[in-house]
Amino acid sequence: CRCPTVVPTAGLLVERRSQISLPTHQNRSVPNFPELVAHLRRQPYGDRLKVVDFGDLPLCDQFCATASAQVLVAQHGAGLSNAAFLQERSAVVEITPKKMWSRSIYHCLAGTRDVHYDPVPQNDMHDPVDVVAVHTAVQIALDKVRTHVPSDARYPKPGGHHLKVCDKTNPDWEAPVDCGYGR
């Protein structure tokens, strides 16, 4: 990809199509997404916040948008896999439904990229998110950007992980990534 020279964005907020209209097959949503966007836009970094729907972008454009972001903010889901495109010492803020709190591979992905990771809880997969909590996480993440991620903060804690990519006790584990288990 040849990315155009752009001013780095403070944050990249991932919009899911379900924010517009909730289809019955949608696994997760943030019903107060417009309120979240409005609240974040009122912050000092708000003029450098970009809202994007990765479902509408070719992979190269997803790469360019993510590589220029200091903080990637998204609800748990495929959009967070773009964290692989973040520059080192950037940050991920993941909005995570409580029942998935210990199941996030995105913490592991962030750790492999030397990227800070901060989760924000959401009561249930279709409940409104606490806009102040998201703002606080973004502000904390922006304060950490450009600093090294300590090794003890890189990975989820052992146990309870449902993804075989990070579960060395699973006989099918073949990942080339050390997710910090057994330490």
C-alpha atoms as a PDB file:
ATOM      1  CA  CYS A   1       0.000   0.000   0.000  1.00  0.00           C
ATOM      2  CA  ARG A   2       1.144   3.498  -0.714  1.00  0.00           C
ATOM      3  CA  CYS A   3      -0.440   5.624   1.931  1.00  0.00           C
ATOM      4  CA  PRO A   4      -0.813   9.313   1.246  1.00  0.00           C
ATOM      5  CA  THR A   5       1.098  11.575   3.584  1.00  0.00           C
ATOM      6  CA  VAL A   6      -1.440  12.471   6.231  1.00  0.00           C
ATOM      7  CA  VAL A   7      -1.455  14.150   9.590  1.00  0.00           C
ATOM      8  CA  PRO A   8      -1.592  11.404  12.205  1.00  0.00           C
ATOM      9  CA  THR A   9      -4.994  11.044  13.812  1.00  0.00           C
ATOM     10  CA  ALA A  10      -5.236  11.104  17.593  1.00  0.00           C
ATOM     11  CA  GLY A  11      -7.840   8.380  17.416  1.00  0.00           C
ATOM     12  CA  LEU A  12      -9.553   6.123  14.970  1.00  0.00           C
ATOM     13  CA  LEU A  13     -13.052   5.175  16.156  1.00  0.00           C
ATOM     14  CA  VAL A  14     -14.438   2.115  14.395  1.00  0.00           C
ATOM     15  CA  GLU A  15     -18.111   2.296  13.497  1.00  0.00           C
ATOM     16  CA  ARG A  16     -20.009  -0.918  12.955  1.00  0.00           C
ATOM     17  CA  ARG A  17     -22.854  -1.016  10.474  1.00  0.00           C
ATOM     18  CA  SER A  18     -25.070  -2.100  13.354  1.00  0.00           C
ATOM     19  CA  GLN A  19     -24.780   1.414  14.790  1.00  0.00           C
ATOM     20  CA  ILE A  20     -26.984   2.597  11.934  1.00  0.00           C
ATOM     21  CA  SER A  21     -29.598  -0.156  12.038  1.00  0.00           C
ATOM     22  CA  LEU A  22     -29.361  -3.261  14.153  1.00  0.00           C
ATOM     23  CA  PRO A  23     -29.760  -6.360  11.983  1.00  0.00           C
ATOM     24  CA  THR A  24     -30.921  -9.470  13.791  1.00  0.00           C
ATOM     25  CA  HIS A  25     -27.696 -11.332  12.975  1.00  0.00           C
ATOM     26  CA  GLN A  26     -25.416  -8.674  14.459  1.00  0.00           C
ATOM     27  CA  ASN A  27     -23.430 -10.012  17.400  1.00  0.00           C
ATOM     28  CA  ARG A  28     -22.619  -6.694  19.095  1.00  0.00           C
ATOM     29  CA  SER A  29     -23.593  -3.039  18.974  1.00  0.00           C
ATOM     30  CA  VAL A  30     -23.164   0.307  20.714  1.00  0.00           C
ATOM     31  CA  PRO A  31     -26.642   1.859  20.554  1.00  0.00           C
ATOM     32  CA  ASN A  32     -25.379   5.220  21.829  1.00  0.00           C
ATOM     33  CA  PHE A  33     -22.613   5.424  19.225  1.00  0.00           C
ATOM     34  CA  PRO A  34     -23.692   8.918  18.007  1.00  0.00           C
ATOM     35  CA  GLU A  35     -23.520  10.150  21.627  1.00  0.00           C
ATOM     36  CA  LEU A  36     -20.061   8.570  21.999  1.00  0.00           C
ATOM     37  CA  VAL A  37     -18.814  10.292  18.834  1.00  0.00           C
ATOM     38  CA  ALA A  38     -20.241  13.648  19.957  1.00  0.00           C
ATOM     39  CA  HIS A  39     -18.644  13.322  23.401  1.00  0.00           C
ATOM     40  CA  LEU A  40     -15.220  12.402  21.996  1.00  0.00           C
ATOM     41  CA  ARG A  41     -15.372  15.219  19.451  1.00  0.00           C
ATOM     42  CA  ARG A  42     -15.787  17.722  22.317  1.00  0.00           C
ATOM     43  CA  GLN A  43     -12.455  16.636  23.835  1.00  0.00           C
ATOM     44  CA  PRO A  44      -9.123  18.397  23.149  1.00  0.00           C
ATOM     45  CA  TYR A  45      -8.185  15.601  20.717  1.00  0.00           C
ATOM     46  CA  GLY A  46     -11.657  15.639  19.081  1.00  0.00           C
ATOM     47  CA  ASP A  47     -10.620  17.506  15.950  1.00  0.00           C
ATOM     48  CA  ARG A  48      -8.070  14.731  15.308  1.00  0.00           C
ATOM     49  CA  LEU A  49     -10.586  11.895  15.768  1.00  0.00           C
ATOM     50  CA  LYS A  50     -11.637   9.990  12.676  1.00  0.00           C
ATOM     51  CA  VAL A  51     -14.686   7.712  12.509  1.00  0.00           C
ATOM     52  CA  VAL A  52     -14.377   4.841  10.051  1.00  0.00           C
ATOM     53  CA  ASP A  53     -16.367   1.778   9.002  1.00  0.00           C
ATOM     54  CA  PHE A  54     -13.782  -0.797   7.934  1.00  0.00           C
ATOM     55  CA  GLY A  55     -16.560  -2.757   6.215  1.00  0.00           C
ATOM     56  CA  ASP A  56     -16.621  -0.040   3.552  1.00  0.00           C
ATOM     57  CA  LEU A  57     -12.854   0.164   2.985  1.00  0.00           C
ATOM     58  CA  PRO A  58     -10.466  -1.918   0.900  1.00  0.00           C
ATOM     59  CA  LEU A  59      -7.675  -3.517   2.942  1.00  0.00           C
ATOM     60  CA  CYS A  60      -5.070  -1.005   1.754  1.00  0.00           C
ATOM     61  CA  ASP A  61      -7.229   1.905   2.965  1.00  0.00           C
ATOM     62  CA  GLN A  62      -7.783   0.127   6.277  1.00  0.00           C
ATOM     63  CA  PHE A  63      -4.016  -0.194   6.641  1.00  0.00           C
ATOM     64  CA  CYS A  64      -3.394   3.481   5.866  1.00  0.00           C
ATOM     65  CA  ALA A  65      -6.119   4.695   8.232  1.00  0.00           C
ATOM     66  CA  THR A  66      -4.918   2.485  11.077  1.00  0.00           C
ATOM     67  CA  ALA A  67      -1.199   3.116  10.574  1.00  0.00           C
ATOM     68  CA  SER A  68      -1.792   6.860  10.947  1.00  0.00           C
ATOM     69  CA  ALA A  69      -3.726   6.502  14.230  1.00  0.00           C
ATOM     70  CA  GLN A  70      -2.268   6.891  17.685  1.00  0.00           C
ATOM     71  CA  VAL A  71      -5.237   5.115  19.293  1.00  0.00           C
ATOM     72  CA  LEU A  72      -7.613   2.564  17.750  1.00  0.00           C
ATOM     73  CA  VAL A  73     -11.004   2.535  19.523  1.00  0.00           C
ATOM     74  CA  ALA A  74     -13.495  -0.204  18.710  1.00  0.00           C
ATOM     75  CA  GLN A  75     -15.988  -2.608  20.152  1.00  0.00           C
ATOM     76  CA  HIS A  76     -14.780  -6.211  20.432  1.00  0.00           C
ATOM     77  CA  GLY A  77     -14.866  -7.704  16.951  1.00  0.00           C
ATOM     78  CA  ALA A  78     -13.125  -8.053  13.616  1.00  0.00           C
ATOM     79  CA  GLY A  79     -12.431  -4.317  13.276  1.00  0.00           C
ATOM     80  CA  LEU A  80      -9.871  -4.652  16.060  1.00  0.00           C
ATOM     81  CA  SER A  81      -7.796  -7.036  13.968  1.00  0.00           C
ATOM     82  CA  ASN A  82      -6.575  -3.863  12.266  1.00  0.00           C
ATOM     83  CA  ALA A  83      -4.514  -3.320  15.440  1.00  0.00           C
ATOM     84  CA  ALA A  84      -1.909  -5.351  13.566  1.00  0.00           C
ATOM     85  CA  PHE A  85      -1.412  -2.250  11.388  1.00  0.00           C
ATOM     86  CA  LEU A  86      -0.780   0.159  14.270  1.00  0.00           C
ATOM     87  CA  GLN A  87       2.655   1.663  14.672  1.00  0.00           C
ATOM     88  CA  GLU A  88       4.624   0.475  17.688  1.00  0.00           C
ATOM     89  CA  ARG A  89       3.853   2.299  20.900  1.00  0.00           C
ATOM     90  CA  SER A  90       0.358   3.238  19.774  1.00  0.00           C
ATOM     91  CA  ALA A  91      -2.695   2.080  21.726  1.00  0.00           C
ATOM     92  CA  VAL A  92      -5.893   0.046  21.489  1.00  0.00           C
ATOM     93  CA  VAL A  93      -9.039   0.845  23.460  1.00  0.00           C
ATOM     94  CA  GLU A  94     -11.413  -2.096  23.271  1.00  0.00           C
ATOM     95  CA  ILE A  95     -15.068  -1.786  24.255  1.00  0.00           C
ATOM     96  CA  THR A  96     -15.680  -5.250  25.650  1.00  0.00           C
ATOM     97  CA  PRO A  97     -18.996  -6.769  26.719  1.00  0.00           C
ATOM     98  CA  LYS A  98     -18.543  -8.129  30.255  1.00  0.00           C
ATOM     99  CA  LYS A  99     -19.202 -11.738  29.240  1.00  0.00           C
ATOM    100  CA  MET A 100     -16.204 -11.474  26.867  1.00  0.00           C
ATOM    101  CA  TRP A 101     -13.959  -9.628  29.334  1.00  0.00           C
ATOM    102  CA  SER A 102     -11.425 -12.449  29.668  1.00  0.00           C
ATOM    103  CA  ARG A 103     -11.706 -13.599  26.058  1.00  0.00           C
ATOM    104  CA  SER A 104      -9.995 -10.905  24.073  1.00  0.00           C
ATOM    105  CA  ILE A 105      -7.329 -11.896  21.626  1.00  0.00           C
ATOM    106  CA  TYR A 106      -6.828  -8.202  20.889  1.00  0.00           C
ATOM    107  CA  HIS A 107      -4.843  -7.769  24.108  1.00  0.00           C
ATOM    108  CA  CYS A 108      -2.525 -10.486  22.819  1.00  0.00           C
ATOM    109  CA  LEU A 109      -2.353  -8.872  19.371  1.00  0.00           C
ATOM    110  CA  ALA A 110      -1.531  -5.495  20.914  1.00  0.00           C
ATOM    111  CA  GLY A 111       1.234  -7.115  22.944  1.00  0.00           C
ATOM    112  CA  THR A 112       2.864  -8.620  19.875  1.00  0.00           C
ATOM    113  CA  ARG A 113       3.002  -5.137  18.306  1.00  0.00           C
ATOM    114  CA  ASP A 114       4.320  -3.262  21.390  1.00  0.00           C
ATOM    115  CA  VAL A 115       0.980  -1.450  21.511  1.00  0.00           C
ATOM    116  CA  HIS A 116      -0.753  -0.372  24.736  1.00  0.00           C
ATOM    117  CA  TYR A 117      -4.105  -1.994  25.490  1.00  0.00           C
ATOM    118  CA  ASP A 118      -6.965  -0.637  27.588  1.00  0.00           C
ATOM    119  CA  PRO A 119     -10.383  -2.316  27.839  1.00  0.00           C
ATOM    120  CA  VAL A 120     -13.620  -0.467  28.576  1.00  0.00           C
ATOM    121  CA  PRO A 121     -16.462  -2.630  29.909  1.00  0.00           C
ATOM    122  CA  GLN A 122     -19.900  -2.738  28.340  1.00  0.00           C
ATOM    123  CA  ASN A 123     -22.614  -4.437  30.420  1.00  0.00           C
ATOM    124  CA  ASP A 124     -23.975  -6.513  27.564  1.00  0.00           C
ATOM    125  CA  MET A 125     -23.297  -6.838  23.845  1.00  0.00           C
ATOM    126  CA  HIS A 126     -26.068  -4.411  22.873  1.00  0.00           C
ATOM    127  CA  ASP A 127     -26.037  -2.040  25.861  1.00  0.00           C
ATOM    128  CA  PRO A 128     -24.994   1.600  25.687  1.00  0.00           C
ATOM    129  CA  VAL A 129     -21.367   2.264  26.535  1.00  0.00           C
ATOM    130  CA  ASP A 130     -20.216   4.719  29.205  1.00  0.00           C
ATOM    131  CA  VAL A 131     -18.987   7.599  27.019  1.00  0.00           C
ATOM    132  CA  VAL A 132     -16.980   9.114  29.883  1.00  0.00           C
ATOM    133  CA  ALA A 133     -15.225   5.776  30.483  1.00  0.00           C
ATOM    134  CA  VAL A 134     -14.309   5.566  26.787  1.00  0.00           C
ATOM    135  CA  HIS A 135     -13.020   9.154  26.833  1.00  0.00           C
ATOM    136  CA  THR A 136     -10.969   8.428  29.969  1.00  0.00           C
ATOM    137  CA  ALA A 137      -9.456   5.325  28.347  1.00  0.00           C
ATOM    138  CA  VAL A 138      -8.636   7.287  25.182  1.00  0.00           C
ATOM    139  CA  GLN A 139      -7.016  10.063  27.222  1.00  0.00           C
ATOM    140  CA  ILE A 140      -4.960   7.554  29.217  1.00  0.00           C
ATOM    141  CA  ALA A 141      -3.982   5.808  25.974  1.00  0.00           C
ATOM    142  CA  LEU A 142      -2.917   9.103  24.383  1.00  0.00           C
ATOM    143  CA  ASP A 143      -0.781   9.808  27.452  1.00  0.00           C
ATOM    144  CA  LYS A 144       0.946   6.416  27.018  1.00  0.00           C
ATOM    145  CA  VAL A 145       1.525   6.738  23.266  1.00  0.00           C
ATOM    146  CA  ARG A 146       5.198   6.769  22.314  1.00  0.00           C
ATOM    147  CA  THR A 147       6.159   4.969  25.519  1.00  0.00           C
ATOM    148  CA  HIS A 148       7.353   1.388  25.698  1.00  0.00           C
ATOM    149  CA  VAL A 149       4.781  -1.209  26.747  1.00  0.00           C
ATOM    150  CA  PRO A 150       6.091  -2.989  29.865  1.00  0.00           C
ATOM    151  CA  SER A 151       6.423  -6.742  29.320  1.00  0.00           C
ATOM    152  CA  ASP A 152       4.082  -7.556  32.209  1.00  0.00           C
ATOM    153  CA  ALA A 153       1.333  -5.452  30.578  1.00  0.00           C
ATOM    154  CA  ARG A 154       1.563  -7.036  27.142  1.00  0.00           C
ATOM    155  CA  TYR A 155      -0.590 -10.122  27.465  1.00  0.00           C
ATOM    156  CA  PRO A 156      -3.780 -11.367  29.095  1.00  0.00           C
ATOM    157  CA  LYS A 157      -3.231 -13.157  32.367  1.00  0.00           C
ATOM    158  CA  PRO A 158      -3.071 -16.968  32.155  1.00  0.00           C
ATOM    159  CA  GLY A 159      -6.282 -18.948  32.455  1.00  0.00           C
ATOM    160  CA  GLY A 160      -9.805 -18.431  31.214  1.00  0.00           C
ATOM    161  CA  HIS A 161      -8.847 -17.659  27.628  1.00  0.00           C
ATOM    162  CA  HIS A 162     -11.169 -19.284  25.084  1.00  0.00           C
ATOM    163  CA  LEU A 163      -9.011 -18.776  21.995  1.00  0.00           C
ATOM    164  CA  LYS A 164      -6.675 -21.581  21.023  1.00  0.00           C
ATOM    165  CA  VAL A 165      -4.220 -19.081  19.535  1.00  0.00           C
ATOM    166  CA  CYS A 166      -3.214 -18.173  23.097  1.00  0.00           C
ATOM    167  CA  ASP A 167      -4.015 -21.450  24.855  1.00  0.00           C
ATOM    168  CA  LYS A 168      -0.949 -23.704  24.967  1.00  0.00           C
ATOM    169  CA  THR A 169      -2.954 -26.300  26.931  1.00  0.00           C
ATOM    170  CA  ASN A 170      -5.115 -26.860  23.834  1.00  0.00           C
ATOM    171  CA  PRO A 171      -3.704 -29.717  21.720  1.00  0.00           C
ATOM    172  CA  ASP A 172      -4.484 -27.715  18.549  1.00  0.00           C
ATOM    173  CA  TRP A 173      -2.282 -24.781  19.628  1.00  0.00           C
ATOM    174  CA  GLU A 174       0.055 -23.983  16.765  1.00  0.00           C
ATOM    175  CA  ALA A 175       0.363 -20.213  16.948  1.00  0.00           C
ATOM    176  CA  PRO A 176       3.709 -18.591  16.163  1.00  0.00           C
ATOM    177  CA  VAL A 177       2.932 -16.070  18.906  1.00  0.00           C
ATOM    178  CA  ASP A 178       3.923 -16.407  22.540  1.00  0.00           C
ATOM    179  CA  CYS A 179       0.937 -14.940  24.358  1.00  0.00           C
ATOM    180  CA  GLY A 180       2.633 -14.940  27.736  1.00  0.00           C
ATOM    181  CA  TYR A 181       1.149 -18.131  29.175  1.00  0.00           C
ATOM    182  CA  GLY A 182       3.188 -20.177  31.554  1.00  0.00           C
ATOM    183  CA  ARG A 183       5.161 -17.187  32.806  1.00  0.00           C
END
